[in-house]
Amino acid sequence: MTAPTGQPVDEFLATLPNEHRQGDARRLIALMREVTGEEPAMWGPSIVGFGRYHYRCASGGTGDSALACFSPRKQHLVVYLIGGFEERHASTLARLGPHKTGKSCLYLKRLDDVDLAVLRELVDRSARVRRGIDRACC
């Protein structure tokens, strides 16, 4: 992941293609702010992140990333979670509503289509693992 840029989050949100995507982004900001207790910051040109954690890869590489983050892209809202979340949290994802998954990405078309309490649970679990409070597996 990239580093915080200092660009104002509201300035970035104003560039989103429509009011619905802007509204979903603002709702995700509220959810992630509540979960992490951190304020939003831009990480690179299109990722809104909250807080920071230091990681070490199995290969020995290290870096910093946001505790929780998302990107409001044209086709999907992309929520970045811990790697392997789709296997670890399959029963939780089954309660979420329509979505797609990638290696550490959760793709949502619209927040109105998903259960926000379940999304909050997934973001919270991911942030807790990144903070070292919980283990990556459940």
N, C-alpha and C. Protein backbone atom coordinates (compact mmCIF):
# COMPACT_ATOMS: atom_id res chain seq x y z
N MET A 1 0.84 -1.17 0.00
CA MET A 1 0.00 0.00 0.00
C MET A 1 0.88 1.23 0.00
N THR A 2 0.32 2.30 -0.36
CA THR A 2 1.03 3.56 -0.45
C THR A 2 0.95 4.32 0.88
N ALA A 3 1.47 5.49 0.94
CA ALA A 3 1.50 6.29 2.17
C ALA A 3 0.45 7.39 2.12
N PRO A 4 0.12 7.97 3.29
CA PRO A 4 -0.82 9.10 3.30
C PRO A 4 -0.27 10.26 2.46
N THR A 5 -1.18 10.95 1.78
CA THR A 5 -0.76 12.02 0.86
C THR A 5 -0.97 13.43 1.41
N GLY A 6 -1.86 13.60 2.35
CA GLY A 6 -2.17 14.93 2.84
C GLY A 6 -3.30 15.60 2.06
N GLN A 7 -3.74 14.98 0.94
CA GLN A 7 -4.86 15.53 0.19
C GLN A 7 -6.11 15.48 1.08
N PRO A 8 -6.91 16.54 1.11
CA PRO A 8 -8.14 16.51 1.91
C PRO A 8 -9.12 15.46 1.37
N VAL A 9 -9.68 14.67 2.26
CA VAL A 9 -10.62 13.62 1.87
C VAL A 9 -11.84 14.22 1.18
N ASP A 10 -12.36 15.34 1.71
CA ASP A 10 -13.54 15.97 1.09
C ASP A 10 -13.26 16.41 -0.34
N GLU A 11 -12.04 16.84 -0.60
CA GLU A 11 -11.65 17.24 -1.95
C GLU A 11 -11.72 16.02 -2.88
N PHE A 12 -11.22 14.88 -2.41
CA PHE A 12 -11.30 13.65 -3.19
C PHE A 12 -12.75 13.23 -3.42
N LEU A 13 -13.57 13.27 -2.38
CA LEU A 13 -14.97 12.85 -2.51
C LEU A 13 -15.71 13.69 -3.55
N ALA A 14 -15.37 14.96 -3.66
CA ALA A 14 -16.01 15.85 -4.64
C ALA A 14 -15.71 15.42 -6.07
N THR A 15 -14.67 14.62 -6.28
CA THR A 15 -14.32 14.18 -7.63
C THR A 15 -15.06 12.91 -8.04
N LEU A 16 -15.78 12.29 -7.11
CA LEU A 16 -16.48 11.04 -7.43
C LEU A 16 -17.59 11.31 -8.45
N PRO A 17 -17.89 10.32 -9.31
CA PRO A 17 -18.75 10.55 -10.47
C PRO A 17 -20.21 10.88 -10.19
N ASN A 18 -20.74 10.49 -9.03
CA ASN A 18 -22.15 10.79 -8.78
C ASN A 18 -22.43 10.90 -7.29
N GLU A 19 -23.58 11.46 -6.97
CA GLU A 19 -23.95 11.69 -5.57
C GLU A 19 -24.11 10.38 -4.80
N HIS A 20 -24.59 9.34 -5.49
CA HIS A 20 -24.78 8.06 -4.80
C HIS A 20 -23.44 7.49 -4.32
N ARG A 21 -22.43 7.52 -5.18
CA ARG A 21 -21.12 7.01 -4.80
C ARG A 21 -20.52 7.88 -3.69
N GLN A 22 -20.73 9.18 -3.78
CA GLN A 22 -20.25 10.08 -2.72
C GLN A 22 -20.95 9.76 -1.39
N GLY A 23 -22.25 9.50 -1.45
CA GLY A 23 -22.99 9.16 -0.24
C GLY A 23 -22.52 7.85 0.37
N ASP A 24 -22.29 6.84 -0.48
CA ASP A 24 -21.77 5.57 0.02
C ASP A 24 -20.39 5.76 0.65
N ALA A 25 -19.56 6.58 0.03
CA ALA A 25 -18.22 6.84 0.57
C ALA A 25 -18.33 7.51 1.94
N ARG A 26 -19.23 8.45 2.08
CA ARG A 26 -19.41 9.13 3.37
C ARG A 26 -19.92 8.16 4.44
N ARG A 27 -20.78 7.24 4.05
CA ARG A 27 -21.27 6.24 5.00
C ARG A 27 -20.15 5.29 5.43
N LEU A 28 -19.30 4.90 4.47
CA LEU A 28 -18.15 4.06 4.82
C LEU A 28 -17.17 4.80 5.72
N ILE A 29 -16.99 6.09 5.48
CA ILE A 29 -16.12 6.89 6.34
C ILE A 29 -16.66 6.88 7.77
N ALA A 30 -17.96 7.08 7.93
CA ALA A 30 -18.56 7.07 9.27
C ALA A 30 -18.37 5.71 9.94
N LEU A 31 -18.60 4.63 9.20
CA LEU A 31 -18.45 3.29 9.75
C LEU A 31 -17.00 3.02 10.16
N MET A 32 -16.05 3.33 9.30
CA MET A 32 -14.64 3.04 9.59
C MET A 32 -14.09 3.96 10.69
N ARG A 33 -14.57 5.20 10.73
CA ARG A 33 -14.17 6.11 11.81
C ARG A 33 -14.63 5.54 13.15
N GLU A 34 -15.86 5.04 13.19
CA GLU A 34 -16.41 4.47 14.42
C GLU A 34 -15.63 3.21 14.83
N VAL A 35 -15.35 2.34 13.88
CA VAL A 35 -14.65 1.09 14.18
C VAL A 35 -13.23 1.34 14.66
N THR A 36 -12.51 2.24 13.99
CA THR A 36 -11.09 2.43 14.29
C THR A 36 -10.82 3.51 15.33
N GLY A 37 -11.74 4.45 15.46
CA GLY A 37 -11.48 5.61 16.33
C GLY A 37 -10.50 6.59 15.69
N GLU A 38 -10.25 6.43 14.40
CA GLU A 38 -9.28 7.26 13.67
C GLU A 38 -9.99 8.13 12.64
N GLU A 39 -9.35 9.22 12.27
CA GLU A 39 -9.88 10.11 11.25
C GLU A 39 -9.44 9.64 9.86
N PRO A 40 -10.24 9.92 8.83
CA PRO A 40 -9.87 9.50 7.48
C PRO A 40 -8.70 10.32 6.92
N ALA A 41 -7.91 9.67 6.09
CA ALA A 41 -6.82 10.33 5.38
C ALA A 41 -6.68 9.66 4.02
N MET A 42 -6.24 10.40 3.05
CA MET A 42 -6.01 9.84 1.72
C MET A 42 -4.69 9.08 1.72
N TRP A 43 -4.74 7.85 1.25
CA TRP A 43 -3.55 7.01 1.05
C TRP A 43 -3.44 6.84 -0.46
N GLY A 44 -2.54 7.55 -1.07
CA GLY A 44 -2.45 7.52 -2.52
C GLY A 44 -3.60 8.34 -3.10
N PRO A 45 -3.80 8.25 -4.41
CA PRO A 45 -4.80 9.11 -5.05
C PRO A 45 -6.26 8.70 -4.86
N SER A 46 -6.53 7.44 -4.42
CA SER A 46 -7.94 7.02 -4.40
C SER A 46 -8.33 6.11 -3.24
N ILE A 47 -7.50 5.99 -2.22
CA ILE A 47 -7.82 5.15 -1.07
C ILE A 47 -8.00 6.01 0.16
N VAL A 48 -9.13 5.83 0.83
CA VAL A 48 -9.41 6.52 2.08
C VAL A 48 -9.06 5.55 3.21
N GLY A 49 -8.10 5.93 4.04
CA GLY A 49 -7.62 5.04 5.10
C GLY A 49 -7.79 5.65 6.48
N PHE A 50 -7.76 4.77 7.48
CA PHE A 50 -7.97 5.15 8.87
C PHE A 50 -6.88 4.52 9.72
N GLY A 51 -6.13 5.34 10.45
CA GLY A 51 -5.09 4.81 11.32
C GLY A 51 -3.94 4.24 10.53
N ARG A 52 -3.05 3.56 11.26
CA ARG A 52 -1.86 3.00 10.63
C ARG A 52 -1.40 1.80 11.46
N TYR A 53 -0.88 0.82 10.77
CA TYR A 53 -0.24 -0.30 11.45
C TYR A 53 1.01 -0.70 10.68
N HIS A 54 1.92 -1.33 11.38
CA HIS A 54 3.17 -1.79 10.78
C HIS A 54 3.06 -3.30 10.57
N TYR A 55 3.43 -3.77 9.38
CA TYR A 55 3.34 -5.20 9.11
C TYR A 55 4.69 -5.77 8.73
N ARG A 56 4.80 -7.07 8.91
CA ARG A 56 5.99 -7.82 8.49
C ARG A 56 5.50 -9.03 7.71
N CYS A 57 5.99 -9.18 6.50
CA CYS A 57 5.61 -10.31 5.64
C CYS A 57 6.43 -11.54 6.01
N ALA A 58 5.91 -12.70 5.64
CA ALA A 58 6.64 -13.95 5.86
C ALA A 58 8.00 -13.92 5.15
N SER A 59 8.08 -13.17 4.05
CA SER A 59 9.33 -13.07 3.30
C SER A 59 10.34 -12.16 3.99
N GLY A 60 9.89 -11.46 5.07
CA GLY A 60 10.79 -10.57 5.79
C GLY A 60 10.58 -9.10 5.48
N GLY A 61 9.83 -8.80 4.44
CA GLY A 61 9.56 -7.40 4.11
C GLY A 61 8.65 -6.75 5.14
N THR A 62 8.79 -5.45 5.30
CA THR A 62 7.96 -4.72 6.25
C THR A 62 7.39 -3.48 5.59
N GLY A 63 6.40 -2.88 6.23
CA GLY A 63 5.82 -1.66 5.72
C GLY A 63 4.72 -1.15 6.64
N ASP A 64 4.11 -0.08 6.23
CA ASP A 64 2.99 0.50 6.96
C ASP A 64 1.78 0.54 6.04
N SER A 65 0.62 0.40 6.65
CA SER A 65 -0.63 0.46 5.90
C SER A 65 -1.71 1.00 6.83
N ALA A 66 -2.86 1.27 6.28
CA ALA A 66 -4.00 1.74 7.06
C ALA A 66 -4.66 0.57 7.78
N LEU A 67 -5.15 0.83 8.99
CA LEU A 67 -5.89 -0.20 9.74
C LEU A 67 -7.13 -0.63 8.99
N ALA A 68 -7.82 0.32 8.43
CA ALA A 68 -9.03 0.07 7.63
C ALA A 68 -8.99 1.04 6.46
N CYS A 69 -9.46 0.60 5.30
CA CYS A 69 -9.46 1.51 4.15
C CYS A 69 -10.41 1.00 3.07
N PHE A 70 -10.75 1.92 2.18
CA PHE A 70 -11.61 1.59 1.04
C PHE A 70 -11.30 2.53 -0.10
N SER A 71 -11.77 2.14 -1.27
CA SER A 71 -11.65 2.98 -2.46
C SER A 71 -12.99 2.97 -3.19
N PRO A 72 -13.60 4.14 -3.39
CA PRO A 72 -14.87 4.22 -4.12
C PRO A 72 -14.61 4.28 -5.63
N ARG A 73 -14.48 3.14 -6.24
CA ARG A 73 -14.19 3.07 -7.67
C ARG A 73 -15.48 3.17 -8.49
N LYS A 74 -15.32 3.29 -9.78
CA LYS A 74 -16.47 3.48 -10.66
C LYS A 74 -17.45 2.31 -10.60
N GLN A 75 -16.95 1.08 -10.68
CA GLN A 75 -17.82 -0.09 -10.69
C GLN A 75 -18.21 -0.59 -9.31
N HIS A 76 -17.31 -0.46 -8.33
CA HIS A 76 -17.53 -1.02 -7.01
C HIS A 76 -16.95 -0.12 -5.93
N LEU A 77 -17.47 -0.29 -4.73
CA LEU A 77 -16.78 0.17 -3.53
C LEU A 77 -15.85 -0.96 -3.16
N VAL A 78 -14.58 -0.69 -2.99
CA VAL A 78 -13.62 -1.72 -2.65
C VAL A 78 -13.20 -1.52 -1.20
N VAL A 79 -13.51 -2.50 -0.36
CA VAL A 79 -13.13 -2.47 1.04
C VAL A 79 -11.96 -3.43 1.20
N TYR A 80 -10.85 -2.92 1.73
CA TYR A 80 -9.65 -3.74 1.90
C TYR A 80 -9.67 -4.38 3.28
N LEU A 81 -9.59 -5.69 3.31
CA LEU A 81 -9.61 -6.46 4.56
C LEU A 81 -8.34 -7.30 4.67
N ILE A 82 -8.22 -8.06 5.74
CA ILE A 82 -7.05 -8.93 5.88
C ILE A 82 -7.08 -10.00 4.79
N GLY A 83 -5.91 -10.43 4.37
CA GLY A 83 -5.82 -11.48 3.37
C GLY A 83 -6.48 -12.77 3.84
N GLY A 84 -7.16 -13.45 2.94
CA GLY A 84 -7.81 -14.71 3.27
C GLY A 84 -9.11 -14.59 4.03
N PHE A 85 -9.66 -13.37 4.10
CA PHE A 85 -10.90 -13.18 4.86
C PHE A 85 -12.05 -14.00 4.31
N GLU A 86 -12.07 -14.25 3.01
CA GLU A 86 -13.20 -14.98 2.43
C GLU A 86 -13.30 -16.41 2.94
N GLU A 87 -12.15 -17.03 3.23
CA GLU A 87 -12.17 -18.38 3.81
C GLU A 87 -12.42 -18.32 5.31
N ARG A 88 -11.78 -17.39 5.98
CA ARG A 88 -11.87 -17.29 7.44
C ARG A 88 -13.26 -16.86 7.91
N HIS A 89 -13.92 -16.06 7.12
CA HIS A 89 -15.20 -15.47 7.54
C HIS A 89 -16.33 -15.79 6.56
N ALA A 90 -16.33 -16.98 6.04
CA ALA A 90 -17.34 -17.38 5.05
C ALA A 90 -18.75 -17.26 5.59
N SER A 91 -18.98 -17.67 6.83
CA SER A 91 -20.33 -17.60 7.39
C SER A 91 -20.78 -16.15 7.57
N THR A 92 -19.85 -15.26 7.89
CA THR A 92 -20.19 -13.84 8.01
C THR A 92 -20.50 -13.27 6.63
N LEU A 93 -19.69 -13.60 5.66
CA LEU A 93 -19.93 -13.11 4.29
C LEU A 93 -21.27 -13.59 3.75
N ALA A 94 -21.70 -14.78 4.16
CA ALA A 94 -22.99 -15.31 3.70
C ALA A 94 -24.15 -14.44 4.17
N ARG A 95 -23.94 -13.70 5.25
CA ARG A 95 -24.99 -12.82 5.79
C ARG A 95 -24.90 -11.39 5.25
N LEU A 96 -23.84 -11.08 4.52
CA LEU A 96 -23.58 -9.71 4.08
C LEU A 96 -24.55 -9.19 3.04
N GLY A 97 -24.86 -10.00 2.05
CA GLY A 97 -25.63 -9.55 0.90
C GLY A 97 -24.74 -9.63 -0.33
N PRO A 98 -25.19 -9.09 -1.47
CA PRO A 98 -24.44 -9.23 -2.72
C PRO A 98 -23.05 -8.60 -2.64
N HIS A 99 -22.05 -9.39 -3.03
CA HIS A 99 -20.68 -8.92 -3.01
C HIS A 99 -19.82 -9.85 -3.86
N LYS A 100 -18.61 -9.41 -4.11
CA LYS A 100 -17.58 -10.23 -4.73
C LYS A 100 -16.34 -10.09 -3.86
N THR A 101 -15.45 -11.06 -3.96
CA THR A 101 -14.23 -11.00 -3.17
C THR A 101 -13.01 -11.21 -4.05
N GLY A 102 -11.90 -10.69 -3.58
CA GLY A 102 -10.59 -10.91 -4.17
C GLY A 102 -9.66 -11.30 -3.04
N LYS A 103 -8.39 -11.30 -3.28
CA LYS A 103 -7.42 -11.77 -2.29
C LYS A 103 -7.61 -11.08 -0.92
N SER A 104 -7.67 -9.77 -0.90
CA SER A 104 -7.95 -9.05 0.34
C SER A 104 -8.94 -7.92 0.10
N CYS A 105 -9.74 -8.07 -0.96
CA CYS A 105 -10.69 -7.04 -1.34
C CYS A 105 -12.12 -7.56 -1.29
N LEU A 106 -12.99 -6.71 -0.78
CA LEU A 106 -14.43 -6.96 -0.77
C LEU A 106 -15.04 -5.94 -1.72
N TYR A 107 -15.72 -6.40 -2.75
CA TYR A 107 -16.30 -5.52 -3.77
C TYR A 107 -17.81 -5.42 -3.56
N LEU A 108 -18.30 -4.20 -3.40
CA LEU A 108 -19.72 -3.95 -3.18
C LEU A 108 -20.22 -2.98 -4.23
N LYS A 109 -21.39 -3.24 -4.77
CA LYS A 109 -21.99 -2.30 -5.75
C LYS A 109 -22.57 -1.08 -5.03
N ARG A 110 -23.38 -1.36 -4.00
CA ARG A 110 -24.07 -0.28 -3.27
C ARG A 110 -24.20 -0.68 -1.81
N LEU A 111 -24.02 0.26 -0.92
CA LEU A 111 -24.17 -0.04 0.51
C LEU A 111 -25.62 -0.37 0.85
N ASP A 112 -26.56 0.17 0.12
CA ASP A 112 -27.98 -0.12 0.39
C ASP A 112 -28.30 -1.60 0.20
N ASP A 113 -27.47 -2.32 -0.55
CA ASP A 113 -27.73 -3.73 -0.84
C ASP A 113 -27.17 -4.69 0.21
N VAL A 114 -26.36 -4.19 1.14
CA VAL A 114 -25.71 -5.07 2.10
C VAL A 114 -26.13 -4.74 3.53
N ASP A 115 -25.90 -5.70 4.41
CA ASP A 115 -26.17 -5.53 5.83
C ASP A 115 -24.99 -4.78 6.45
N LEU A 116 -25.21 -3.53 6.84
CA LEU A 116 -24.11 -2.70 7.36
C LEU A 116 -23.55 -3.22 8.67
N ALA A 117 -24.36 -3.91 9.47
CA ALA A 117 -23.85 -4.49 10.72
C ALA A 117 -22.84 -5.59 10.41
N VAL A 118 -23.10 -6.36 9.37
CA VAL A 118 -22.17 -7.42 8.96
C VAL A 118 -20.89 -6.80 8.39
N LEU A 119 -21.03 -5.76 7.57
CA LEU A 119 -19.87 -5.08 7.02
C LEU A 119 -19.02 -4.50 8.16
N ARG A 120 -19.67 -3.91 9.14
CA ARG A 120 -18.95 -3.36 10.29
C ARG A 120 -18.18 -4.47 11.02
N GLU A 121 -18.80 -5.63 11.16
CA GLU A 121 -18.15 -6.77 11.81
C GLU A 121 -16.89 -7.18 11.05
N LEU A 122 -16.97 -7.22 9.72
CA LEU A 122 -15.81 -7.60 8.92
C LEU A 122 -14.68 -6.57 9.03
N VAL A 123 -15.03 -5.30 8.97
CA VAL A 123 -14.03 -4.24 9.10
C VAL A 123 -13.40 -4.28 10.50
N ASP A 124 -14.22 -4.48 11.52
CA ASP A 124 -13.72 -4.54 12.89
C ASP A 124 -12.77 -5.72 13.07
N ARG A 125 -13.14 -6.89 12.58
CA ARG A 125 -12.27 -8.07 12.70
C ARG A 125 -10.93 -7.82 12.02
N SER A 126 -10.97 -7.23 10.84
CA SER A 126 -9.75 -6.96 10.10
C SER A 126 -8.86 -5.97 10.85
N ALA A 127 -9.45 -4.89 11.36
CA ALA A 127 -8.69 -3.89 12.11
C ALA A 127 -8.11 -4.48 13.40
N ARG A 128 -8.87 -5.35 14.06
CA ARG A 128 -8.38 -5.98 15.29
C ARG A 128 -7.18 -6.88 15.01
N VAL A 129 -7.22 -7.60 13.91
CA VAL A 129 -6.08 -8.45 13.55
C VAL A 129 -4.87 -7.55 13.25
N ARG A 130 -5.08 -6.48 12.52
CA ARG A 130 -3.97 -5.58 12.18
C ARG A 130 -3.39 -4.91 13.41
N ARG A 131 -4.21 -4.68 14.41
CA ARG A 131 -3.72 -4.09 15.66
C ARG A 131 -3.08 -5.13 16.58
N GLY A 132 -3.19 -6.41 16.21
CA GLY A 132 -2.61 -7.47 17.02
C GLY A 132 -3.49 -7.88 18.17
N ILE A 133 -4.76 -7.47 18.16
CA ILE A 133 -5.70 -7.80 19.23
C ILE A 133 -6.27 -9.20 19.01
N ASP A 134 -6.54 -9.56 17.76
CA ASP A 134 -7.07 -10.87 17.41
C ASP A 134 -6.09 -11.58 16.48
N ARG A 135 -6.24 -12.89 16.41
CA ARG A 135 -5.46 -13.67 15.46
C ARG A 135 -6.13 -13.58 14.09
N ALA A 136 -5.39 -13.87 13.06
CA ALA A 136 -5.92 -13.80 11.70
C ALA A 136 -6.95 -14.90 11.44
N CYS A 137 -6.87 -15.99 12.15
CA CYS A 137 -7.82 -17.07 11.92
C CYS A 137 -8.86 -17.12 13.03
N CYS A 138 -9.99 -17.67 12.75
CA CYS A 138 -11.07 -17.76 13.74
C CYS A 138 -11.56 -19.18 13.88
